[in-house]
Amino acid sequence: MLATTAAAEFAIPVKLSLRDGLRECVDAQIARVNAGFLVLRSPIALEAGRTLDVAYLDRQIACETVYCHSQQGGLYKIGVRMLDGMDGALRIERRIRLDASATLNTPGLPGSVIVRVIDMSSSGLGVKIREPLRVGDLAYVELEHGVAFGEIRHCAKIPGEKAETAYRAGVFIEEFIPRNPAKINPWTAHGVDAPGRSSTFKVSTAIKSALFSGRKS
């Protein structure tokens, strides 16, 4: 069984199916999600260049190992790149107002919390939440159409809220993984460019074809 992760990382359970050798299948975790790149926590070491599928439910991402470092507790931190190409360069950012329910997961909270998504842009999401969030923490937001991975960039109390304490937090989105790759993502549905790091960020087609909707352990 994998150990509890550090507060600054995810712990999303997945299976690694090795494509070469004995074709082993191994339980592992996703620790971080970046543009076209995954950082995994695994009980076995993988040499650079080995190919594998990262699987959750009935979805898979074909990957190649880039590095592998030993960690405490007999685990290994493995960096893998996705094998599909890159496309979809971003252009001008638009921001639109929304009012939608979502589930936020971040290490600064004791568990998953329901939030309101109040706006959306090509760089991220604005959410309304009852408690403050730590700036710089990783986060992932479970939306109706998929999961958005990123980082808390700002959080401040909303002035004039009478019913209850409320905060507005900005979540910078590095990747969006749709539940159904055949359907339009919520950014495109609202006429907003897909999320990314900057105006030159490109979204991996491998990420677009994958699903990791499990909540933080």
N, C-alpha and C. Protein backbone atom coordinates (compact mmCIF):
# COMPACT_ATOMS: atom_id res chain seq x y z
N MET A 1 0.85 -1.20 0.00
CA MET A 1 0.00 0.00 0.00
C MET A 1 0.88 1.25 0.00
N LEU A 2 0.52 2.22 -0.83
CA LEU A 2 1.33 3.42 -0.93
C LEU A 2 1.16 4.29 0.30
N ALA A 3 2.23 4.95 0.71
CA ALA A 3 2.21 5.81 1.89
C ALA A 3 1.48 7.11 1.59
N THR A 4 1.10 7.82 2.68
CA THR A 4 0.45 9.12 2.53
C THR A 4 1.41 10.12 1.90
N THR A 5 0.90 10.93 0.98
CA THR A 5 1.74 11.86 0.25
C THR A 5 2.02 13.13 1.04
N ALA A 6 3.03 13.87 0.65
CA ALA A 6 3.30 15.19 1.22
C ALA A 6 2.17 16.14 0.86
N ALA A 7 2.00 17.20 1.66
CA ALA A 7 0.87 18.11 1.48
C ALA A 7 0.89 18.82 0.15
N ALA A 8 2.06 18.97 -0.46
CA ALA A 8 2.16 19.74 -1.70
C ALA A 8 1.89 18.91 -2.94
N GLU A 9 1.44 17.65 -2.78
CA GLU A 9 1.25 16.79 -3.93
C GLU A 9 -0.11 16.12 -3.89
N PHE A 10 -0.55 15.65 -5.09
CA PHE A 10 -1.76 14.85 -5.18
C PHE A 10 -1.45 13.42 -4.74
N ALA A 11 -2.50 12.63 -4.57
CA ALA A 11 -2.36 11.20 -4.31
C ALA A 11 -3.51 10.49 -5.02
N ILE A 12 -3.53 10.59 -6.34
CA ILE A 12 -4.63 10.06 -7.14
C ILE A 12 -4.29 8.63 -7.55
N PRO A 13 -5.07 7.64 -7.12
CA PRO A 13 -4.73 6.24 -7.43
C PRO A 13 -4.90 5.91 -8.91
N VAL A 14 -3.91 5.24 -9.48
CA VAL A 14 -3.94 4.80 -10.87
C VAL A 14 -3.27 3.43 -10.96
N LYS A 15 -3.32 2.83 -12.14
CA LYS A 15 -2.58 1.60 -12.41
C LYS A 15 -1.60 1.85 -13.55
N LEU A 16 -0.40 1.33 -13.39
CA LEU A 16 0.62 1.41 -14.44
C LEU A 16 0.68 0.06 -15.14
N SER A 17 0.44 0.08 -16.44
CA SER A 17 0.55 -1.14 -17.24
C SER A 17 1.78 -1.00 -18.12
N LEU A 18 2.81 -1.77 -17.82
CA LEU A 18 4.07 -1.67 -18.56
C LEU A 18 3.92 -2.34 -19.92
N ARG A 19 4.39 -1.66 -20.97
CA ARG A 19 4.19 -2.14 -22.33
C ARG A 19 5.30 -3.06 -22.81
N ASP A 20 6.41 -3.11 -22.07
CA ASP A 20 7.53 -3.95 -22.49
C ASP A 20 7.86 -4.96 -21.39
N GLY A 21 8.82 -5.82 -21.63
CA GLY A 21 9.20 -6.80 -20.62
C GLY A 21 8.08 -7.77 -20.31
N LEU A 22 7.79 -7.94 -19.00
CA LEU A 22 6.78 -8.90 -18.56
C LEU A 22 5.38 -8.31 -18.55
N ARG A 23 5.24 -7.06 -18.96
CA ARG A 23 3.93 -6.38 -19.00
C ARG A 23 3.24 -6.41 -17.63
N GLU A 24 3.98 -6.01 -16.61
CA GLU A 24 3.42 -5.97 -15.27
C GLU A 24 2.33 -4.90 -15.16
N CYS A 25 1.45 -5.08 -14.16
CA CYS A 25 0.44 -4.08 -13.83
C CYS A 25 0.63 -3.70 -12.37
N VAL A 26 0.86 -2.41 -12.09
CA VAL A 26 1.28 -1.95 -10.77
C VAL A 26 0.36 -0.84 -10.27
N ASP A 27 -0.04 -0.90 -9.00
CA ASP A 27 -0.77 0.20 -8.37
C ASP A 27 0.19 1.36 -8.11
N ALA A 28 -0.24 2.58 -8.43
CA ALA A 28 0.60 3.76 -8.24
C ALA A 28 -0.29 4.96 -7.97
N GLN A 29 0.32 6.15 -7.89
CA GLN A 29 -0.42 7.40 -7.67
C GLN A 29 0.13 8.49 -8.57
N ILE A 30 -0.75 9.39 -8.96
CA ILE A 30 -0.31 10.62 -9.63
C ILE A 30 0.00 11.65 -8.55
N ALA A 31 1.22 12.19 -8.54
CA ALA A 31 1.63 13.20 -7.57
C ALA A 31 1.48 14.61 -8.12
N ARG A 32 1.77 14.78 -9.43
CA ARG A 32 1.64 16.10 -10.05
C ARG A 32 1.23 15.92 -11.50
N VAL A 33 0.56 16.95 -12.03
CA VAL A 33 0.14 16.98 -13.43
C VAL A 33 0.60 18.28 -14.04
N ASN A 34 1.42 18.20 -15.09
CA ASN A 34 1.90 19.39 -15.79
C ASN A 34 1.58 19.25 -17.27
N ALA A 35 2.02 20.20 -18.06
CA ALA A 35 1.73 20.20 -19.49
C ALA A 35 2.43 19.02 -20.16
N GLY A 36 1.64 18.01 -20.55
CA GLY A 36 2.20 16.86 -21.23
C GLY A 36 3.10 15.99 -20.39
N PHE A 37 3.01 16.11 -19.06
CA PHE A 37 3.95 15.42 -18.17
C PHE A 37 3.23 15.02 -16.88
N LEU A 38 3.51 13.81 -16.40
CA LEU A 38 2.98 13.34 -15.13
C LEU A 38 4.13 12.96 -14.20
N VAL A 39 3.97 13.26 -12.92
CA VAL A 39 4.90 12.77 -11.91
C VAL A 39 4.15 11.71 -11.10
N LEU A 40 4.68 10.49 -11.08
CA LEU A 40 4.03 9.36 -10.46
C LEU A 40 4.75 8.94 -9.19
N ARG A 41 4.02 8.32 -8.28
CA ARG A 41 4.59 7.71 -7.08
C ARG A 41 4.36 6.21 -7.21
N SER A 42 5.43 5.42 -7.26
CA SER A 42 5.32 4.00 -7.60
C SER A 42 6.12 3.14 -6.63
N PRO A 43 5.66 1.91 -6.37
CA PRO A 43 6.42 0.99 -5.52
C PRO A 43 7.57 0.31 -6.25
N ILE A 44 7.65 0.47 -7.57
CA ILE A 44 8.74 -0.14 -8.34
C ILE A 44 9.48 0.94 -9.13
N ALA A 45 10.73 0.68 -9.41
CA ALA A 45 11.54 1.61 -10.21
C ALA A 45 11.35 1.31 -11.69
N LEU A 46 11.43 2.35 -12.51
CA LEU A 46 11.34 2.21 -13.96
C LEU A 46 12.51 2.95 -14.59
N GLU A 47 13.23 2.28 -15.47
CA GLU A 47 14.35 2.92 -16.15
C GLU A 47 13.85 3.93 -17.17
N ALA A 48 14.66 4.96 -17.42
CA ALA A 48 14.33 5.95 -18.44
C ALA A 48 14.16 5.25 -19.79
N GLY A 49 13.13 5.66 -20.51
CA GLY A 49 12.87 5.09 -21.83
C GLY A 49 11.84 3.99 -21.84
N ARG A 50 11.47 3.48 -20.65
CA ARG A 50 10.45 2.42 -20.63
C ARG A 50 9.08 3.01 -20.95
N THR A 51 8.27 2.27 -21.68
CA THR A 51 6.93 2.73 -22.07
C THR A 51 5.88 2.05 -21.21
N LEU A 52 4.80 2.78 -20.94
CA LEU A 52 3.75 2.27 -20.08
C LEU A 52 2.44 2.99 -20.37
N ASP A 53 1.34 2.42 -19.89
CA ASP A 53 0.04 3.08 -19.91
C ASP A 53 -0.33 3.43 -18.48
N VAL A 54 -0.73 4.68 -18.25
CA VAL A 54 -1.24 5.11 -16.96
C VAL A 54 -2.76 5.02 -17.06
N ALA A 55 -3.37 4.13 -16.25
CA ALA A 55 -4.78 3.80 -16.42
C ALA A 55 -5.60 4.13 -15.18
N TYR A 56 -6.81 4.65 -15.41
CA TYR A 56 -7.79 4.86 -14.36
C TYR A 56 -9.16 4.55 -14.95
N LEU A 57 -9.91 3.65 -14.29
CA LEU A 57 -11.17 3.16 -14.85
C LEU A 57 -10.90 2.61 -16.24
N ASP A 58 -11.61 3.11 -17.26
CA ASP A 58 -11.40 2.58 -18.61
C ASP A 58 -10.63 3.54 -19.50
N ARG A 59 -9.90 4.48 -18.89
CA ARG A 59 -9.09 5.44 -19.64
C ARG A 59 -7.61 5.15 -19.47
N GLN A 60 -6.81 5.46 -20.49
CA GLN A 60 -5.38 5.22 -20.43
C GLN A 60 -4.62 6.36 -21.11
N ILE A 61 -3.40 6.61 -20.64
CA ILE A 61 -2.49 7.55 -21.29
C ILE A 61 -1.19 6.80 -21.58
N ALA A 62 -0.79 6.78 -22.84
CA ALA A 62 0.48 6.17 -23.21
C ALA A 62 1.62 7.11 -22.84
N CYS A 63 2.61 6.61 -22.11
CA CYS A 63 3.70 7.44 -21.59
C CYS A 63 5.06 6.77 -21.76
N GLU A 64 6.10 7.59 -21.61
CA GLU A 64 7.47 7.10 -21.62
C GLU A 64 8.20 7.67 -20.40
N THR A 65 8.94 6.81 -19.69
CA THR A 65 9.66 7.25 -18.49
C THR A 65 10.81 8.19 -18.85
N VAL A 66 10.90 9.31 -18.13
CA VAL A 66 11.98 10.29 -18.32
C VAL A 66 13.01 10.18 -17.20
N TYR A 67 12.54 10.03 -15.95
CA TYR A 67 13.47 9.88 -14.83
C TYR A 67 12.81 9.04 -13.74
N CYS A 68 13.62 8.55 -12.81
CA CYS A 68 13.13 7.77 -11.68
C CYS A 68 14.05 8.00 -10.49
N HIS A 69 13.49 8.50 -9.36
CA HIS A 69 14.28 8.78 -8.16
C HIS A 69 13.70 8.00 -6.98
N SER A 70 14.56 7.40 -6.18
CA SER A 70 14.11 6.69 -4.99
C SER A 70 13.66 7.68 -3.93
N GLN A 71 12.64 7.30 -3.14
CA GLN A 71 12.08 8.12 -2.09
C GLN A 71 12.07 7.33 -0.79
N GLN A 72 11.72 7.99 0.30
CA GLN A 72 11.60 7.31 1.59
C GLN A 72 10.47 6.29 1.55
N GLY A 73 10.60 5.25 2.34
CA GLY A 73 9.55 4.24 2.41
C GLY A 73 9.56 3.24 1.28
N GLY A 74 10.64 3.19 0.52
CA GLY A 74 10.74 2.22 -0.56
C GLY A 74 9.97 2.57 -1.81
N LEU A 75 9.53 3.84 -1.94
CA LEU A 75 8.79 4.27 -3.12
C LEU A 75 9.72 4.97 -4.10
N TYR A 76 9.21 5.19 -5.31
CA TYR A 76 9.96 5.86 -6.36
C TYR A 76 9.11 6.97 -6.97
N LYS A 77 9.73 8.11 -7.20
CA LYS A 77 9.07 9.21 -7.91
C LYS A 77 9.51 9.14 -9.36
N ILE A 78 8.54 8.98 -10.25
CA ILE A 78 8.82 8.73 -11.66
C ILE A 78 8.20 9.83 -12.51
N GLY A 79 9.01 10.46 -13.34
CA GLY A 79 8.51 11.45 -14.29
C GLY A 79 8.29 10.80 -15.64
N VAL A 80 7.10 10.97 -16.19
CA VAL A 80 6.79 10.37 -17.50
C VAL A 80 6.22 11.44 -18.42
N ARG A 81 6.59 11.37 -19.68
CA ARG A 81 6.02 12.28 -20.67
C ARG A 81 4.99 11.52 -21.50
N MET A 82 3.97 12.25 -21.92
CA MET A 82 2.93 11.64 -22.74
C MET A 82 3.41 11.55 -24.19
N LEU A 83 3.05 10.47 -24.84
CA LEU A 83 3.63 10.19 -26.14
C LEU A 83 2.94 10.89 -27.30
N ASP A 84 1.72 11.41 -27.09
CA ASP A 84 1.04 12.12 -28.16
C ASP A 84 1.63 13.51 -28.35
N GLY A 85 1.38 14.11 -29.51
CA GLY A 85 1.91 15.43 -29.83
C GLY A 85 1.16 16.55 -29.14
N MET A 86 1.52 17.77 -29.44
CA MET A 86 0.92 18.95 -28.81
C MET A 86 0.20 19.78 -29.87
N ASP A 87 -0.93 20.32 -29.49
CA ASP A 87 -1.62 21.23 -30.40
C ASP A 87 -2.48 22.20 -29.60
N GLY A 88 -3.21 23.06 -30.28
CA GLY A 88 -4.15 23.94 -29.62
C GLY A 88 -3.54 25.13 -28.92
N ALA A 89 -2.65 25.87 -29.57
CA ALA A 89 -2.04 27.05 -28.94
C ALA A 89 -3.11 28.05 -28.53
N LEU A 90 -2.92 28.66 -27.39
CA LEU A 90 -3.88 29.63 -26.89
C LEU A 90 -3.65 31.01 -27.48
N ARG A 91 -4.73 31.80 -27.46
CA ARG A 91 -4.63 33.14 -28.04
C ARG A 91 -5.06 34.17 -27.01
N ILE A 92 -6.10 34.92 -27.29
CA ILE A 92 -6.52 36.01 -26.41
C ILE A 92 -7.39 35.47 -25.27
N GLU A 93 -7.13 35.93 -24.05
CA GLU A 93 -7.89 35.45 -22.90
C GLU A 93 -9.20 36.20 -22.77
N ARG A 94 -10.28 35.44 -22.52
CA ARG A 94 -11.58 36.01 -22.20
C ARG A 94 -11.99 35.49 -20.84
N ARG A 95 -12.77 36.28 -20.13
CA ARG A 95 -13.29 35.84 -18.83
C ARG A 95 -14.80 35.99 -18.85
N ILE A 96 -15.50 34.93 -18.48
CA ILE A 96 -16.96 34.98 -18.44
C ILE A 96 -17.45 34.60 -17.05
N ARG A 97 -18.63 35.09 -16.70
CA ARG A 97 -19.22 34.79 -15.40
C ARG A 97 -19.99 33.48 -15.48
N LEU A 98 -19.92 32.70 -14.39
CA LEU A 98 -20.62 31.43 -14.30
C LEU A 98 -21.26 31.30 -12.93
N ASP A 99 -22.10 30.31 -12.78
CA ASP A 99 -22.63 29.93 -11.47
C ASP A 99 -22.87 28.42 -11.52
N ALA A 100 -21.83 27.66 -11.21
CA ALA A 100 -21.90 26.20 -11.32
C ALA A 100 -21.26 25.56 -10.10
N SER A 101 -21.80 24.43 -9.70
CA SER A 101 -21.25 23.69 -8.57
C SER A 101 -20.07 22.83 -9.02
N ALA A 102 -19.06 22.70 -8.14
CA ALA A 102 -17.90 21.86 -8.43
C ALA A 102 -17.33 21.36 -7.10
N THR A 103 -16.44 20.39 -7.17
CA THR A 103 -15.77 19.85 -5.99
C THR A 103 -14.30 20.21 -6.04
N LEU A 104 -13.83 20.90 -5.00
CA LEU A 104 -12.43 21.33 -4.94
C LEU A 104 -11.64 20.41 -4.01
N ASN A 105 -10.46 20.01 -4.46
CA ASN A 105 -9.55 19.19 -3.66
C ASN A 105 -8.21 19.91 -3.55
N THR A 106 -7.75 20.15 -2.33
CA THR A 106 -6.47 20.82 -2.12
C THR A 106 -5.93 20.40 -0.76
N PRO A 107 -4.60 20.25 -0.60
CA PRO A 107 -4.05 19.74 0.65
C PRO A 107 -4.26 20.63 1.86
N GLY A 108 -4.62 21.90 1.66
CA GLY A 108 -4.84 22.80 2.78
C GLY A 108 -6.17 22.59 3.48
N LEU A 109 -7.04 21.74 2.93
CA LEU A 109 -8.34 21.46 3.52
C LEU A 109 -8.39 20.01 3.98
N PRO A 110 -9.23 19.71 4.98
CA PRO A 110 -9.27 18.33 5.50
C PRO A 110 -9.87 17.32 4.53
N GLY A 111 -10.56 17.78 3.51
CA GLY A 111 -11.17 16.88 2.54
C GLY A 111 -11.73 17.66 1.37
N SER A 112 -12.44 16.97 0.49
CA SER A 112 -13.06 17.63 -0.65
C SER A 112 -14.17 18.57 -0.18
N VAL A 113 -14.32 19.71 -0.86
CA VAL A 113 -15.37 20.66 -0.50
C VAL A 113 -16.12 21.09 -1.76
N ILE A 114 -17.41 21.36 -1.58
CA ILE A 114 -18.23 21.87 -2.67
C ILE A 114 -18.01 23.38 -2.78
N VAL A 115 -17.75 23.86 -3.98
CA VAL A 115 -17.55 25.29 -4.23
C VAL A 115 -18.46 25.72 -5.37
N ARG A 116 -18.56 27.04 -5.56
CA ARG A 116 -19.26 27.59 -6.72
C ARG A 116 -18.21 28.15 -7.67
N VAL A 117 -18.27 27.72 -8.92
CA VAL A 117 -17.42 28.32 -9.95
C VAL A 117 -18.12 29.58 -10.42
N ILE A 118 -17.49 30.74 -10.21
CA ILE A 118 -18.15 32.01 -10.50
C ILE A 118 -17.63 32.69 -11.76
N ASP A 119 -16.46 32.27 -12.24
CA ASP A 119 -15.99 32.77 -13.53
C ASP A 119 -14.96 31.82 -14.11
N MET A 120 -14.69 32.00 -15.40
CA MET A 120 -13.80 31.11 -16.14
C MET A 120 -13.04 31.91 -17.17
N SER A 121 -11.75 31.59 -17.34
CA SER A 121 -10.94 32.19 -18.40
C SER A 121 -9.98 31.14 -18.92
N SER A 122 -9.20 31.48 -19.93
CA SER A 122 -8.24 30.52 -20.47
C SER A 122 -7.09 30.25 -19.52
N SER A 123 -6.94 31.06 -18.47
CA SER A 123 -5.88 30.80 -17.49
C SER A 123 -6.38 30.10 -16.24
N GLY A 124 -7.70 30.02 -16.05
CA GLY A 124 -8.15 29.33 -14.86
C GLY A 124 -9.60 29.55 -14.51
N LEU A 125 -9.89 29.30 -13.21
CA LEU A 125 -11.24 29.38 -12.68
C LEU A 125 -11.27 30.29 -11.46
N GLY A 126 -12.38 31.01 -11.30
CA GLY A 126 -12.64 31.73 -10.07
C GLY A 126 -13.69 30.96 -9.29
N VAL A 127 -13.42 30.66 -8.01
CA VAL A 127 -14.36 29.88 -7.21
C VAL A 127 -14.71 30.63 -5.93
N LYS A 128 -15.93 30.40 -5.46
CA LYS A 128 -16.40 30.96 -4.19
C LYS A 128 -16.42 29.83 -3.17
N ILE A 129 -15.80 30.08 -2.00
CA ILE A 129 -15.64 29.04 -1.00
C ILE A 129 -15.81 29.64 0.39
N ARG A 130 -16.22 28.85 1.36
CA ARG A 130 -16.50 29.36 2.70
C ARG A 130 -15.25 29.60 3.54
N GLU A 131 -14.17 28.86 3.25
CA GLU A 131 -12.95 29.01 4.04
C GLU A 131 -11.79 29.48 3.17
N PRO A 132 -10.80 30.15 3.75
CA PRO A 132 -9.66 30.62 2.94
C PRO A 132 -8.79 29.46 2.49
N LEU A 133 -8.12 29.65 1.36
CA LEU A 133 -7.20 28.65 0.81
C LEU A 133 -5.78 29.18 0.84
N ARG A 134 -4.82 28.29 0.94
CA ARG A 134 -3.41 28.69 0.95
C ARG A 134 -2.93 28.94 -0.47
N VAL A 135 -2.42 30.14 -0.71
CA VAL A 135 -1.87 30.47 -2.02
C VAL A 135 -0.63 29.61 -2.28
N GLY A 136 -0.54 29.06 -3.48
CA GLY A 136 0.58 28.21 -3.85
C GLY A 136 0.31 26.73 -3.74
N ASP A 137 -0.79 26.34 -3.05
CA ASP A 137 -1.12 24.93 -2.94
C ASP A 137 -1.61 24.38 -4.27
N LEU A 138 -1.32 23.12 -4.52
CA LEU A 138 -1.91 22.43 -5.66
C LEU A 138 -3.40 22.25 -5.43
N ALA A 139 -4.15 22.10 -6.50
CA ALA A 139 -5.59 21.88 -6.39
C ALA A 139 -6.08 21.18 -7.64
N TYR A 140 -7.15 20.42 -7.47
CA TYR A 140 -7.86 19.97 -8.65
C TYR A 140 -9.35 20.12 -8.41
N VAL A 141 -10.06 20.53 -9.47
CA VAL A 141 -11.47 20.87 -9.40
C VAL A 141 -12.25 19.89 -10.26
N GLU A 142 -13.17 19.16 -9.62
CA GLU A 142 -14.00 18.20 -10.33
C GLU A 142 -15.25 18.92 -10.83
N LEU A 143 -15.32 19.08 -12.15
CA LEU A 143 -16.44 19.74 -12.81
C LEU A 143 -17.36 18.71 -13.44
N GLU A 144 -18.48 19.17 -13.93
CA GLU A 144 -19.43 18.25 -14.57
C GLU A 144 -18.81 17.53 -15.75
N HIS A 145 -17.98 18.24 -16.53
CA HIS A 145 -17.45 17.67 -17.77
C HIS A 145 -16.03 17.12 -17.65
N GLY A 146 -15.41 17.23 -16.47
CA GLY A 146 -14.04 16.74 -16.35
C GLY A 146 -13.35 17.28 -15.11
N VAL A 147 -12.03 17.15 -15.08
CA VAL A 147 -11.23 17.55 -13.93
C VAL A 147 -10.17 18.56 -14.35
N ALA A 148 -10.09 19.69 -13.63
CA ALA A 148 -9.10 20.73 -13.91
C ALA A 148 -8.01 20.67 -12.84
N PHE A 149 -6.74 20.56 -13.25
CA PHE A 149 -5.60 20.48 -12.34
C PHE A 149 -4.85 21.81 -12.35
N GLY A 150 -4.44 22.30 -11.18
CA GLY A 150 -3.68 23.54 -11.17
C GLY A 150 -3.19 23.94 -9.80
N GLU A 151 -3.20 25.25 -9.54
CA GLU A 151 -2.60 25.81 -8.32
C GLU A 151 -3.42 27.00 -7.86
N ILE A 152 -3.55 27.15 -6.53
CA ILE A 152 -4.23 28.32 -5.96
C ILE A 152 -3.32 29.53 -6.12
N ARG A 153 -3.79 30.56 -6.85
CA ARG A 153 -2.97 31.74 -7.12
C ARG A 153 -3.33 32.92 -6.22
N HIS A 154 -4.56 33.04 -5.80
CA HIS A 154 -4.94 34.12 -4.89
C HIS A 154 -6.22 33.73 -4.16
N CYS A 155 -6.44 34.33 -2.99
CA CYS A 155 -7.65 34.06 -2.22
C CYS A 155 -7.90 35.26 -1.31
N ALA A 156 -9.11 35.80 -1.35
CA ALA A 156 -9.45 36.97 -0.54
C ALA A 156 -10.92 36.91 -0.14
N LYS A 157 -11.23 37.51 1.00
CA LYS A 157 -12.62 37.55 1.47
C LYS A 157 -13.45 38.42 0.54
N ILE A 158 -14.67 37.97 0.27
CA ILE A 158 -15.58 38.73 -0.59
C ILE A 158 -16.28 39.78 0.26
N PRO A 159 -16.12 41.06 -0.04
CA PRO A 159 -16.77 42.11 0.76
C PRO A 159 -18.28 42.10 0.57
N GLY A 160 -19.00 42.44 1.64
CA GLY A 160 -20.45 42.59 1.54
C GLY A 160 -21.23 41.30 1.67
N GLU A 161 -20.59 40.18 1.94
CA GLU A 161 -21.31 38.92 2.12
C GLU A 161 -21.92 38.89 3.52
N LYS A 162 -23.25 38.79 3.63
CA LYS A 162 -23.92 38.87 4.92
C LYS A 162 -24.31 37.51 5.49
N ALA A 163 -24.72 36.59 4.63
CA ALA A 163 -25.24 35.31 5.11
C ALA A 163 -24.15 34.45 5.76
N GLU A 164 -22.98 34.46 5.21
CA GLU A 164 -21.90 33.61 5.73
C GLU A 164 -20.57 34.15 5.23
N THR A 165 -19.51 33.76 5.89
CA THR A 165 -18.18 34.14 5.42
C THR A 165 -17.91 33.49 4.08
N ALA A 166 -17.42 34.26 3.13
CA ALA A 166 -17.15 33.72 1.80
C ALA A 166 -15.86 34.30 1.26
N TYR A 167 -15.14 33.49 0.52
CA TYR A 167 -13.88 33.89 -0.09
C TYR A 167 -13.93 33.60 -1.59
N ARG A 168 -13.21 34.43 -2.34
CA ARG A 168 -13.04 34.17 -3.76
C ARG A 168 -11.60 33.75 -3.99
N ALA A 169 -11.43 32.60 -4.62
CA ALA A 169 -10.09 32.08 -4.91
C ALA A 169 -9.91 31.94 -6.41
N GLY A 170 -8.70 32.22 -6.87
CA GLY A 170 -8.36 32.02 -8.27
C GLY A 170 -7.50 30.77 -8.41
N VAL A 171 -7.94 29.85 -9.27
CA VAL A 171 -7.22 28.60 -9.50
C VAL A 171 -6.61 28.65 -10.90
N PHE A 172 -5.28 28.73 -10.97
CA PHE A 172 -4.59 28.70 -12.26
C PHE A 172 -4.60 27.26 -12.77
N ILE A 173 -5.11 27.03 -13.97
CA ILE A 173 -5.28 25.69 -14.50
C ILE A 173 -4.15 25.33 -15.45
N GLU A 174 -3.47 24.21 -15.15
CA GLU A 174 -2.40 23.71 -16.02
C GLU A 174 -2.92 22.69 -17.02
N GLU A 175 -3.90 21.89 -16.61
CA GLU A 175 -4.46 20.88 -17.49
C GLU A 175 -5.94 20.70 -17.20
N PHE A 176 -6.71 20.39 -18.26
CA PHE A 176 -8.10 19.98 -18.09
C PHE A 176 -8.26 18.62 -18.74
N ILE A 177 -8.78 17.65 -17.98
CA ILE A 177 -8.97 16.29 -18.48
C ILE A 177 -10.47 16.02 -18.58
N PRO A 178 -11.00 15.85 -19.79
CA PRO A 178 -12.45 15.65 -19.95
C PRO A 178 -12.89 14.27 -19.52
N ARG A 179 -14.11 14.17 -19.01
CA ARG A 179 -14.67 12.86 -18.70
C ARG A 179 -14.98 12.09 -19.98
N ASN A 180 -15.41 12.80 -20.99
CA ASN A 180 -15.69 12.19 -22.29
C ASN A 180 -14.97 12.98 -23.36
N PRO A 181 -13.87 12.46 -23.92
CA PRO A 181 -13.08 13.22 -24.90
C PRO A 181 -13.85 13.60 -26.15
N ALA A 182 -14.97 12.88 -26.42
CA ALA A 182 -15.74 13.16 -27.63
C ALA A 182 -16.61 14.40 -27.48
N LYS A 183 -16.84 14.83 -26.23
CA LYS A 183 -17.70 15.98 -25.99
C LYS A 183 -16.88 17.26 -25.86
N ILE A 184 -17.52 18.37 -26.13
CA ILE A 184 -16.86 19.67 -26.06
C ILE A 184 -16.54 20.02 -24.60
N ASN A 185 -15.36 20.61 -24.34
CA ASN A 185 -15.01 20.96 -22.97
C ASN A 185 -15.72 22.26 -22.56
N PRO A 186 -15.85 22.52 -21.24
CA PRO A 186 -16.64 23.68 -20.79
C PRO A 186 -16.06 25.01 -21.23
N TRP A 187 -14.74 25.12 -21.41
CA TRP A 187 -14.15 26.37 -21.89
C TRP A 187 -14.63 26.66 -23.31
N THR A 188 -14.50 25.66 -24.19
CA THR A 188 -14.93 25.84 -25.57
C THR A 188 -16.43 26.08 -25.64
N ALA A 189 -17.20 25.40 -24.80
CA ALA A 189 -18.65 25.55 -24.80
C ALA A 189 -19.07 26.98 -24.49
N HIS A 190 -18.24 27.70 -23.71
CA HIS A 190 -18.55 29.09 -23.36
C HIS A 190 -17.76 30.09 -24.19
N GLY A 191 -17.12 29.62 -25.25
CA GLY A 191 -16.39 30.53 -26.13
C GLY A 191 -15.08 31.01 -25.58
N VAL A 192 -14.47 30.23 -24.66
CA VAL A 192 -13.20 30.61 -24.04
C VAL A 192 -12.14 29.60 -24.46
N ASP A 193 -10.92 30.09 -24.71
CA ASP A 193 -9.83 29.19 -25.08
C ASP A 193 -9.54 28.21 -23.95
N ALA A 194 -9.03 27.04 -24.30
CA ALA A 194 -8.71 26.01 -23.31
C ALA A 194 -7.64 26.51 -22.35
N PRO A 195 -7.62 25.99 -21.09
CA PRO A 195 -6.69 26.51 -20.08
C PRO A 195 -5.25 26.16 -20.35
N GLY A 196 -4.34 26.98 -19.78
CA GLY A 196 -2.91 26.71 -19.95
C GLY A 196 -2.06 27.69 -19.19
N ARG A 197 -0.74 27.54 -19.28
CA ARG A 197 0.20 28.36 -18.51
C ARG A 197 0.26 29.80 -18.99
N SER A 198 0.20 30.04 -20.31
CA SER A 198 0.37 31.38 -20.84
C SER A 198 -0.19 31.41 -22.25
N SER A 199 0.01 32.52 -22.95
CA SER A 199 -0.49 32.64 -24.32
C SER A 199 0.21 31.69 -25.27
N THR A 200 1.33 31.13 -24.87
CA THR A 200 2.06 30.20 -25.74
C THR A 200 1.90 28.75 -25.29
N PHE A 201 1.10 28.53 -24.25
CA PHE A 201 0.90 27.18 -23.74
C PHE A 201 0.13 26.34 -24.75
N LYS A 202 0.47 25.05 -24.84
CA LYS A 202 -0.25 24.15 -25.73
C LYS A 202 -0.80 22.97 -24.92
N VAL A 203 -1.99 22.52 -25.30
CA VAL A 203 -2.66 21.46 -24.57
C VAL A 203 -2.36 20.11 -25.20
N SER A 204 -1.94 19.16 -24.42
CA SER A 204 -1.58 17.84 -24.93
C SER A 204 -2.81 17.08 -25.39
N THR A 205 -2.74 16.46 -26.57
CA THR A 205 -3.85 15.64 -27.04
C THR A 205 -3.97 14.37 -26.21
N ALA A 206 -2.87 13.95 -25.58
CA ALA A 206 -2.96 12.79 -24.69
C ALA A 206 -3.81 13.11 -23.47
N ILE A 207 -3.62 14.31 -22.89
CA ILE A 207 -4.43 14.72 -21.76
C ILE A 207 -5.90 14.81 -22.17
N LYS A 208 -6.17 15.32 -23.37
CA LYS A 208 -7.54 15.45 -23.82
C LYS A 208 -8.25 14.10 -23.91
N SER A 209 -7.50 13.02 -24.07
CA SER A 209 -8.10 11.70 -24.24
C SER A 209 -8.07 10.87 -22.97
N ALA A 210 -7.81 11.52 -21.81
CA ALA A 210 -7.66 10.76 -20.57
C ALA A 210 -8.62 11.23 -19.51
N LEU A 211 -8.80 10.44 -18.46
CA LEU A 211 -9.66 10.82 -17.35
C LEU A 211 -9.04 10.36 -16.04
N PHE A 212 -8.83 11.32 -15.14
CA PHE A 212 -8.41 10.99 -13.79
C PHE A 212 -9.34 11.75 -12.85
N SER A 213 -10.51 11.19 -12.54
CA SER A 213 -11.50 11.92 -11.76
C SER A 213 -11.57 11.47 -10.31
N GLY A 214 -10.65 10.61 -9.88
CA GLY A 214 -10.65 10.18 -8.49
C GLY A 214 -10.30 11.31 -7.55
N ARG A 215 -10.91 11.34 -6.37
CA ARG A 215 -10.64 12.40 -5.41
C ARG A 215 -9.37 12.10 -4.64
N LYS A 216 -8.85 13.15 -3.99
CA LYS A 216 -7.61 13.04 -3.21
C LYS A 216 -7.80 12.04 -2.08
N SER A 217 -6.80 11.16 -1.93
CA SER A 217 -6.86 10.17 -0.84
C SER A 217 -6.66 10.86 0.50
